[in-house]
Amino acid sequence: MSDTSEQTIAAARAAYERITGARYDAGYMLRRRRDSGVQRLGKRLARIAIADAAILVAAVVIGLIIPLGIMGATAVMALLLAATVTLAIWPPDAPVAPERLRQADIRALPTQTARWLDSQRTALPAPAVAVADRIGVRLDTLGAQLAGLNEETPATGEIRRLVGEQLPEFVRDYQRVPRELRGTPRNGKTPDRQLTDGLELIERQIGQMSEELAQGDLDSLATRGRYLEVKYRGDEG
């Protein structure tokens, strides 16, 4: 087989892997959003059930002492309706504030960062959205790995810097650029392209962190250094 044929096959295989990987990520993120929505709905229904049960118990106790009558029964129904409607819409599902990510428990940090990043999708260009979805998958893996890790190790400090500080700051810096300027080249790249490239770099860094955690190589993780910051300081220079 000629070198040209081998290169063509390799390129086709790489393209296929990118496509199937993108489909996997998209499907995974859809399932994750669906599961998250189901969990939130379940919590609201549980609160409604507890409140309604408390109202009914109170009504029964009061009825044993003082007959409620038609007016009392109407009042109980009104209370049940008011409690159900109120708890169905309150409190609203607010996204995690990026400032809170800095103080989050390291074991909850990947999940909270993934939720915050997911809430920013509408403000990102399409290529960056695809990368953000892949980061969400990486963060889910990282969160599972951190379940038994000590909060005070140097390794967790590096994870916190990247996941809780650099990632949200990077996205927010992009969002501060006026929309009409995001497609204008600056230092050879548009802000849209810089965002996508930076998110790809962050995705790779999170993937490498997961690999080092899986291998138990906490020393490498702790000494990873400020690669992202140095890389982009250099590009901006």
C-alpha atoms as a PDB file:
ATOM      1  CA  MET A   1       0.000   0.000   0.000  1.00  0.00           C
ATOM      2  CA  SER A   2       1.374   3.437  -0.936  1.00  0.00           C
ATOM      3  CA  ASP A   3       2.155   6.163   1.565  1.00  0.00           C
ATOM      4  CA  THR A   4      -0.575   8.297   0.004  1.00  0.00           C
ATOM      5  CA  SER A   5      -3.180   5.564   0.526  1.00  0.00           C
ATOM      6  CA  GLU A   6      -2.096   5.060   4.130  1.00  0.00           C
ATOM      7  CA  GLN A   7      -2.312   8.792   4.785  1.00  0.00           C
ATOM      8  CA  THR A   8      -5.782   8.894   3.209  1.00  0.00           C
ATOM      9  CA  ILE A   9      -6.958   5.993   5.374  1.00  0.00           C
ATOM     10  CA  ALA A  10      -5.457   7.570   8.495  1.00  0.00           C
ATOM     11  CA  ALA A  11      -7.138  10.890   7.729  1.00  0.00           C
ATOM     12  CA  ALA A  12     -10.478   9.158   7.138  1.00  0.00           C
ATOM     13  CA  ARG A  13     -10.130   7.232  10.409  1.00  0.00           C
ATOM     14  CA  ALA A  14      -9.313  10.428  12.321  1.00  0.00           C
ATOM     15  CA  ALA A  15     -12.308  12.204  10.778  1.00  0.00           C
ATOM     16  CA  TYR A  16     -14.565   9.277  11.698  1.00  0.00           C
ATOM     17  CA  GLU A  17     -13.311   9.302  15.285  1.00  0.00           C
ATOM     18  CA  ARG A  18     -13.925  13.041  15.531  1.00  0.00           C
ATOM     19  CA  ILE A  19     -17.469  12.658  14.215  1.00  0.00           C
ATOM     20  CA  THR A  20     -18.354   9.688  16.409  1.00  0.00           C
ATOM     21  CA  GLY A  21     -16.726  11.386  19.396  1.00  0.00           C
ATOM     22  CA  ALA A  22     -18.767  14.522  18.806  1.00  0.00           C
ATOM     23  CA  ARG A  23     -21.949  12.452  18.556  1.00  0.00           C
ATOM     24  CA  TYR A  24     -21.076  10.670  21.791  1.00  0.00           C
ATOM     25  CA  ASP A  25     -20.405  13.937  23.573  1.00  0.00           C
ATOM     26  CA  ALA A  26     -23.642  15.475  22.301  1.00  0.00           C
ATOM     27  CA  GLY A  27     -25.661  12.425  23.320  1.00  0.00           C
ATOM     28  CA  TYR A  28     -23.971  12.278  26.693  1.00  0.00           C
ATOM     29  CA  MET A  29     -24.650  15.949  27.366  1.00  0.00           C
ATOM     30  CA  LEU A  30     -28.305  15.574  26.382  1.00  0.00           C
ATOM     31  CA  ARG A  31     -28.653  12.668  28.813  1.00  0.00           C
ATOM     32  CA  ARG A  32     -26.850  14.619  31.529  1.00  0.00           C
ATOM     33  CA  ARG A  33     -29.137  17.640  31.093  1.00  0.00           C
ATOM     34  CA  ARG A  34     -32.176  15.363  31.088  1.00  0.00           C
ATOM     35  CA  ASP A  35     -31.029  13.573  34.244  1.00  0.00           C
ATOM     36  CA  SER A  36     -30.264  16.898  35.923  1.00  0.00           C
ATOM     37  CA  GLY A  37     -33.724  18.155  35.015  1.00  0.00           C
ATOM     38  CA  VAL A  38     -35.315  15.000  36.396  1.00  0.00           C
ATOM     39  CA  GLN A  39     -33.387  15.402  39.657  1.00  0.00           C
ATOM     40  CA  ARG A  40     -34.511  19.028  40.028  1.00  0.00           C
ATOM     41  CA  LEU A  41     -38.108  18.045  39.259  1.00  0.00           C
ATOM     42  CA  GLY A  42     -37.904  15.231  41.792  1.00  0.00           C
ATOM     43  CA  LYS A  43     -36.715  17.627  44.501  1.00  0.00           C
ATOM     44  CA  ARG A  44     -39.549  20.063  43.749  1.00  0.00           C
ATOM     45  CA  LEU A  45     -42.135  17.281  43.837  1.00  0.00           C
ATOM     46  CA  ALA A  46     -40.722  16.055  47.152  1.00  0.00           C
ATOM     47  CA  ARG A  47     -41.005  19.546  48.667  1.00  0.00           C
ATOM     48  CA  ILE A  48     -44.576  19.853  47.372  1.00  0.00           C
ATOM     49  CA  ALA A  49     -45.510  16.450  48.809  1.00  0.00           C
ATOM     50  CA  ILE A  50     -44.056  17.318  52.228  1.00  0.00           C
ATOM     51  CA  ALA A  51     -45.819  20.698  52.349  1.00  0.00           C
ATOM     52  CA  ASP A  52     -49.164  19.268  51.230  1.00  0.00           C
ATOM     53  CA  ALA A  53     -48.892  16.400  53.720  1.00  0.00           C
ATOM     54  CA  ALA A  54     -48.171  18.887  56.525  1.00  0.00           C
ATOM     55  CA  ILE A  55     -51.247  20.929  55.575  1.00  0.00           C
ATOM     56  CA  LEU A  56     -53.461  17.828  55.491  1.00  0.00           C
ATOM     57  CA  VAL A  57     -52.160  16.564  58.844  1.00  0.00           C
ATOM     58  CA  ALA A  58     -52.746  19.983  60.397  1.00  0.00           C
ATOM     59  CA  ALA A  59     -56.254  20.074  58.918  1.00  0.00           C
ATOM     60  CA  VAL A  60     -57.071  16.630  60.340  1.00  0.00           C
ATOM     61  CA  VAL A  61     -55.787  17.593  63.810  1.00  0.00           C
ATOM     62  CA  ILE A  62     -57.738  20.844  63.794  1.00  0.00           C
ATOM     63  CA  GLY A  63     -60.833  19.036  62.476  1.00  0.00           C
ATOM     64  CA  LEU A  64     -60.720  16.642  65.441  1.00  0.00           C
ATOM     65  CA  ILE A  65     -60.952  19.633  67.753  1.00  0.00           C
ATOM     66  CA  ILE A  66     -63.108  22.037  65.756  1.00  0.00           C
ATOM     67  CA  PRO A  67     -65.231  20.853  62.806  1.00  0.00           C
ATOM     68  CA  LEU A  68     -63.934  22.560  59.686  1.00  0.00           C
ATOM     69  CA  GLY A  69     -67.158  22.647  57.728  1.00  0.00           C
ATOM     70  CA  ILE A  70     -67.409  23.803  54.126  1.00  0.00           C
ATOM     71  CA  MET A  71     -65.468  27.021  54.725  1.00  0.00           C
ATOM     72  CA  GLY A  72     -62.696  25.136  56.479  1.00  0.00           C
ATOM     73  CA  ALA A  73     -62.454  22.542  53.721  1.00  0.00           C
ATOM     74  CA  THR A  74     -62.329  25.342  51.145  1.00  0.00           C
ATOM     75  CA  ALA A  75     -59.529  27.031  53.087  1.00  0.00           C
ATOM     76  CA  VAL A  76     -57.575  23.758  53.193  1.00  0.00           C
ATOM     77  CA  MET A  77     -57.968  23.304  49.424  1.00  0.00           C
ATOM     78  CA  ALA A  78     -56.798  26.892  48.874  1.00  0.00           C
ATOM     79  CA  LEU A  79     -53.742  26.294  51.053  1.00  0.00           C
ATOM     80  CA  LEU A  80     -52.909  23.085  49.183  1.00  0.00           C
ATOM     81  CA  LEU A  81     -53.195  24.865  45.839  1.00  0.00           C
ATOM     82  CA  ALA A  82     -51.128  27.838  47.010  1.00  0.00           C
ATOM     83  CA  ALA A  83     -48.382  25.614  48.443  1.00  0.00           C
ATOM     84  CA  THR A  84     -48.244  23.482  45.284  1.00  0.00           C
ATOM     85  CA  VAL A  85     -48.031  26.445  42.909  1.00  0.00           C
ATOM     86  CA  THR A  86     -45.498  28.331  45.046  1.00  0.00           C
ATOM     87  CA  LEU A  87     -43.129  25.396  45.473  1.00  0.00           C
ATOM     88  CA  ALA A  88     -43.456  24.480  41.783  1.00  0.00           C
ATOM     89  CA  ILE A  89     -41.916  27.803  40.723  1.00  0.00           C
ATOM     90  CA  TRP A  90     -39.818  28.802  43.767  1.00  0.00           C
ATOM     91  CA  PRO A  91     -36.937  28.912  44.258  1.00  0.00           C
ATOM     92  CA  PRO A  92     -35.945  29.418  40.625  1.00  0.00           C
ATOM     93  CA  ASP A  93     -33.151  27.264  39.180  1.00  0.00           C
ATOM     94  CA  ALA A  94     -30.333  29.793  39.226  1.00  0.00           C
ATOM     95  CA  PRO A  95     -26.957  28.907  37.680  1.00  0.00           C
ATOM     96  CA  VAL A  96     -23.962  28.618  39.963  1.00  0.00           C
ATOM     97  CA  ALA A  97     -22.234  31.993  40.381  1.00  0.00           C
ATOM     98  CA  PRO A  98     -18.607  31.771  39.173  1.00  0.00           C
ATOM     99  CA  GLU A  99     -17.460  33.525  42.351  1.00  0.00           C
ATOM    100  CA  ARG A 100     -18.796  30.592  44.383  1.00  0.00           C
ATOM    101  CA  LEU A 101     -16.702  28.109  42.430  1.00  0.00           C
ATOM    102  CA  ARG A 102     -13.551  29.322  44.187  1.00  0.00           C
ATOM    103  CA  GLN A 103     -14.948  28.279  47.563  1.00  0.00           C
ATOM    104  CA  ALA A 104     -16.648  25.059  46.452  1.00  0.00           C
ATOM    105  CA  ASP A 105     -15.637  21.772  48.013  1.00  0.00           C
ATOM    106  CA  ILE A 106     -13.117  20.140  45.683  1.00  0.00           C
ATOM    107  CA  ARG A 107     -15.317  17.045  45.353  1.00  0.00           C
ATOM    108  CA  ALA A 108     -18.283  19.158  44.205  1.00  0.00           C
ATOM    109  CA  LEU A 109     -16.247  21.623  42.118  1.00  0.00           C
ATOM    110  CA  PRO A 110     -16.238  19.720  38.775  1.00  0.00           C
ATOM    111  CA  THR A 111     -20.011  19.222  38.877  1.00  0.00           C
ATOM    112  CA  GLN A 112     -20.683  22.855  39.788  1.00  0.00           C
ATOM    113  CA  THR A 113     -18.296  24.121  37.111  1.00  0.00           C
ATOM    114  CA  ALA A 114     -19.981  21.869  34.544  1.00  0.00           C
ATOM    115  CA  ARG A 115     -23.375  23.308  35.527  1.00  0.00           C
ATOM    116  CA  TRP A 116     -22.052  26.852  35.227  1.00  0.00           C
ATOM    117  CA  LEU A 117     -20.426  26.165  31.852  1.00  0.00           C
ATOM    118  CA  ASP A 118     -23.620  24.543  30.587  1.00  0.00           C
ATOM    119  CA  SER A 119     -25.537  27.715  31.481  1.00  0.00           C
ATOM    120  CA  GLN A 120     -23.147  29.760  29.305  1.00  0.00           C
ATOM    121  CA  ARG A 121     -23.741  27.789  26.072  1.00  0.00           C
ATOM    122  CA  THR A 122     -26.050  30.372  24.502  1.00  0.00           C
ATOM    123  CA  ALA A 123     -23.352  33.046  24.847  1.00  0.00           C
ATOM    124  CA  LEU A 124     -20.670  30.979  23.067  1.00  0.00           C
ATOM    125  CA  PRO A 125     -19.980  30.549  19.343  1.00  0.00           C
ATOM    126  CA  ALA A 126     -20.949  27.173  17.866  1.00  0.00           C
ATOM    127  CA  PRO A 127     -17.388  25.708  17.694  1.00  0.00           C
ATOM    128  CA  ALA A 128     -16.810  26.638  21.342  1.00  0.00           C
ATOM    129  CA  VAL A 129     -20.118  25.056  22.389  1.00  0.00           C
ATOM    130  CA  ALA A 130     -18.926  21.694  21.057  1.00  0.00           C
ATOM    131  CA  VAL A 131     -15.694  22.010  23.066  1.00  0.00           C
ATOM    132  CA  ALA A 132     -17.620  23.118  26.162  1.00  0.00           C
ATOM    133  CA  ASP A 133     -19.716  19.952  25.904  1.00  0.00           C
ATOM    134  CA  ARG A 134     -16.551  17.852  25.799  1.00  0.00           C
ATOM    135  CA  ILE A 135     -15.251  19.705  28.852  1.00  0.00           C
ATOM    136  CA  GLY A 136     -18.508  18.804  30.603  1.00  0.00           C
ATOM    137  CA  VAL A 137     -17.802  15.133  29.936  1.00  0.00           C
ATOM    138  CA  ARG A 138     -14.245  15.542  31.257  1.00  0.00           C
ATOM    139  CA  LEU A 139     -15.519  17.281  34.384  1.00  0.00           C
ATOM    140  CA  ASP A 140     -17.951  14.460  35.119  1.00  0.00           C
ATOM    141  CA  THR A 141     -15.075  11.985  34.979  1.00  0.00           C
ATOM    142  CA  LEU A 142     -12.872  14.214  37.118  1.00  0.00           C
ATOM    143  CA  GLY A 143     -15.628  14.655  39.706  1.00  0.00           C
ATOM    144  CA  ALA A 144     -15.920  10.896  40.168  1.00  0.00           C
ATOM    145  CA  GLN A 145     -12.146  10.625  40.608  1.00  0.00           C
ATOM    146  CA  LEU A 146     -12.032  13.339  43.283  1.00  0.00           C
ATOM    147  CA  ALA A 147     -14.513  11.593  45.582  1.00  0.00           C
ATOM    148  CA  GLY A 148     -11.749  10.172  47.792  1.00  0.00           C
ATOM    149  CA  LEU A 149      -9.054  12.825  47.330  1.00  0.00           C
ATOM    150  CA  ASN A 150      -7.830  14.945  50.242  1.00  0.00           C
ATOM    151  CA  GLU A 151      -8.873  18.601  49.937  1.00  0.00           C
ATOM    152  CA  GLU A 152      -5.515  19.946  51.128  1.00  0.00           C
ATOM    153  CA  THR A 153      -3.102  18.217  48.736  1.00  0.00           C
ATOM    154  CA  PRO A 154      -1.060  20.235  46.185  1.00  0.00           C
ATOM    155  CA  ALA A 155      -2.798  18.251  43.441  1.00  0.00           C
ATOM    156  CA  THR A 156      -6.221  19.562  44.444  1.00  0.00           C
ATOM    157  CA  GLY A 157      -4.845  23.096  44.441  1.00  0.00           C
ATOM    158  CA  GLU A 158      -3.858  22.723  40.782  1.00  0.00           C
ATOM    159  CA  ILE A 159      -7.261  21.275  39.909  1.00  0.00           C
ATOM    160  CA  ARG A 160      -8.986  24.148  41.715  1.00  0.00           C
ATOM    161  CA  ARG A 161      -6.935  26.719  39.806  1.00  0.00           C
ATOM    162  CA  LEU A 162      -7.829  25.269  36.428  1.00  0.00           C
ATOM    163  CA  VAL A 163     -11.437  24.188  37.006  1.00  0.00           C
ATOM    164  CA  GLY A 164     -12.611  26.774  39.521  1.00  0.00           C
ATOM    165  CA  GLU A 165     -10.652  29.841  38.454  1.00  0.00           C
ATOM    166  CA  GLN A 166      -9.016  29.768  35.023  1.00  0.00           C
ATOM    167  CA  LEU A 167     -11.891  28.153  33.107  1.00  0.00           C
ATOM    168  CA  PRO A 168     -14.641  30.546  34.275  1.00  0.00           C
ATOM    169  CA  GLU A 169     -12.322  33.565  34.067  1.00  0.00           C
ATOM    170  CA  PHE A 170     -11.357  32.649  30.513  1.00  0.00           C
ATOM    171  CA  VAL A 171     -15.001  32.397  29.409  1.00  0.00           C
ATOM    172  CA  ARG A 172     -15.948  35.621  31.188  1.00  0.00           C
ATOM    173  CA  ASP A 173     -13.043  37.497  29.571  1.00  0.00           C
ATOM    174  CA  TYR A 174     -14.436  36.463  26.182  1.00  0.00           C
ATOM    175  CA  GLN A 175     -17.943  37.551  27.143  1.00  0.00           C
ATOM    176  CA  ARG A 176     -16.656  41.026  27.985  1.00  0.00           C
ATOM    177  CA  VAL A 177     -15.641  41.521  24.340  1.00  0.00           C
ATOM    178  CA  PRO A 178     -18.409  43.394  22.458  1.00  0.00           C
ATOM    179  CA  ARG A 179     -20.312  41.063  20.124  1.00  0.00           C
ATOM    180  CA  GLU A 180     -19.462  43.135  17.053  1.00  0.00           C
ATOM    181  CA  LEU A 181     -15.730  42.672  17.743  1.00  0.00           C
ATOM    182  CA  ARG A 182     -15.700  38.929  18.403  1.00  0.00           C
ATOM    183  CA  GLY A 183     -15.144  38.130  14.738  1.00  0.00           C
ATOM    184  CA  THR A 184     -12.413  40.754  14.285  1.00  0.00           C
ATOM    185  CA  PRO A 185      -8.840  39.371  14.220  1.00  0.00           C
ATOM    186  CA  ARG A 186      -6.574  40.409  17.098  1.00  0.00           C
ATOM    187  CA  ASN A 187      -2.971  39.217  17.232  1.00  0.00           C
ATOM    188  CA  GLY A 188      -3.732  36.986  14.265  1.00  0.00           C
ATOM    189  CA  LYS A 189      -6.874  35.379  15.762  1.00  0.00           C
ATOM    190  CA  THR A 190     -10.454  36.452  16.340  1.00  0.00           C
ATOM    191  CA  PRO A 191     -11.755  36.357  19.919  1.00  0.00           C
ATOM    192  CA  ASP A 192     -14.087  33.541  18.808  1.00  0.00           C
ATOM    193  CA  ARG A 193     -11.092  31.498  17.626  1.00  0.00           C
ATOM    194  CA  GLN A 194      -9.077  32.327  20.752  1.00  0.00           C
ATOM    195  CA  LEU A 195     -11.969  31.150  22.908  1.00  0.00           C
ATOM    196  CA  THR A 196     -12.281  27.856  21.063  1.00  0.00           C
ATOM    197  CA  ASP A 197      -8.519  27.239  21.121  1.00  0.00           C
ATOM    198  CA  GLY A 198      -8.342  28.076  24.818  1.00  0.00           C
ATOM    199  CA  LEU A 199     -11.221  25.756  25.689  1.00  0.00           C
ATOM    200  CA  GLU A 200      -9.557  22.977  23.709  1.00  0.00           C
ATOM    201  CA  LEU A 201      -6.387  23.514  25.718  1.00  0.00           C
ATOM    202  CA  ILE A 202      -8.358  23.426  28.967  1.00  0.00           C
ATOM    203  CA  GLU A 203     -10.080  20.226  27.841  1.00  0.00           C
ATOM    204  CA  ARG A 204      -6.707  18.584  27.211  1.00  0.00           C
ATOM    205  CA  GLN A 205      -5.393  19.752  30.572  1.00  0.00           C
ATOM    206  CA  ILE A 206      -8.413  18.318  32.404  1.00  0.00           C
ATOM    207  CA  GLY A 207      -7.975  15.063  30.475  1.00  0.00           C
ATOM    208  CA  GLN A 208      -4.329  14.865  31.492  1.00  0.00           C
ATOM    209  CA  MET A 209      -5.267  15.562  35.101  1.00  0.00           C
ATOM    210  CA  SER A 210      -7.733  12.669  34.988  1.00  0.00           C
ATOM    211  CA  GLU A 211      -5.056  10.381  33.553  1.00  0.00           C
ATOM    212  CA  GLU A 212      -2.601  11.358  36.284  1.00  0.00           C
ATOM    213  CA  LEU A 213      -5.235  10.789  38.962  1.00  0.00           C
ATOM    214  CA  ALA A 214      -6.050   7.401  37.463  1.00  0.00           C
ATOM    215  CA  GLN A 215      -2.349   6.491  37.573  1.00  0.00           C
ATOM    216  CA  GLY A 216      -1.973   7.817  41.107  1.00  0.00           C
ATOM    217  CA  ASP A 217       0.676  10.247  39.846  1.00  0.00           C
ATOM    218  CA  LEU A 218      -0.189  13.132  42.176  1.00  0.00           C
ATOM    219  CA  ASP A 219       3.330  14.562  42.012  1.00  0.00           C
ATOM    220  CA  SER A 220       3.034  15.222  38.270  1.00  0.00           C
ATOM    221  CA  LEU A 221      -0.376  16.745  38.799  1.00  0.00           C
ATOM    222  CA  ALA A 222       0.852  19.007  41.572  1.00  0.00           C
ATOM    223  CA  THR A 223       3.822  20.227  39.536  1.00  0.00           C
ATOM    224  CA  ARG A 224       1.899  20.798  36.316  1.00  0.00           C
ATOM    225  CA  GLY A 225       2.427  24.516  36.871  1.00  0.00           C
ATOM    226  CA  ARG A 226       0.756  27.447  35.206  1.00  0.00           C
ATOM    227  CA  TYR A 227       0.768  26.039  31.718  1.00  0.00           C
ATOM    228  CA  LEU A 228      -2.478  27.626  30.586  1.00  0.00           C
ATOM    229  CA  GLU A 229      -1.555  31.048  31.903  1.00  0.00           C
ATOM    230  CA  VAL A 230       1.959  30.934  30.440  1.00  0.00           C
ATOM    231  CA  LYS A 231       0.683  29.632  27.091  1.00  0.00           C
ATOM    232  CA  TYR A 232      -1.821  32.421  26.615  1.00  0.00           C
ATOM    233  CA  ARG A 233       0.351  35.151  28.055  1.00  0.00           C
ATOM    234  CA  GLY A 234       2.852  34.145  25.395  1.00  0.00           C
ATOM    235  CA  ASP A 235       0.248  34.171  22.618  1.00  0.00           C
ATOM    236  CA  GLU A 236      -0.938  37.634  23.615  1.00  0.00           C
ATOM    237  CA  GLY A 237       2.579  39.008  23.714  1.00  0.00           C
END
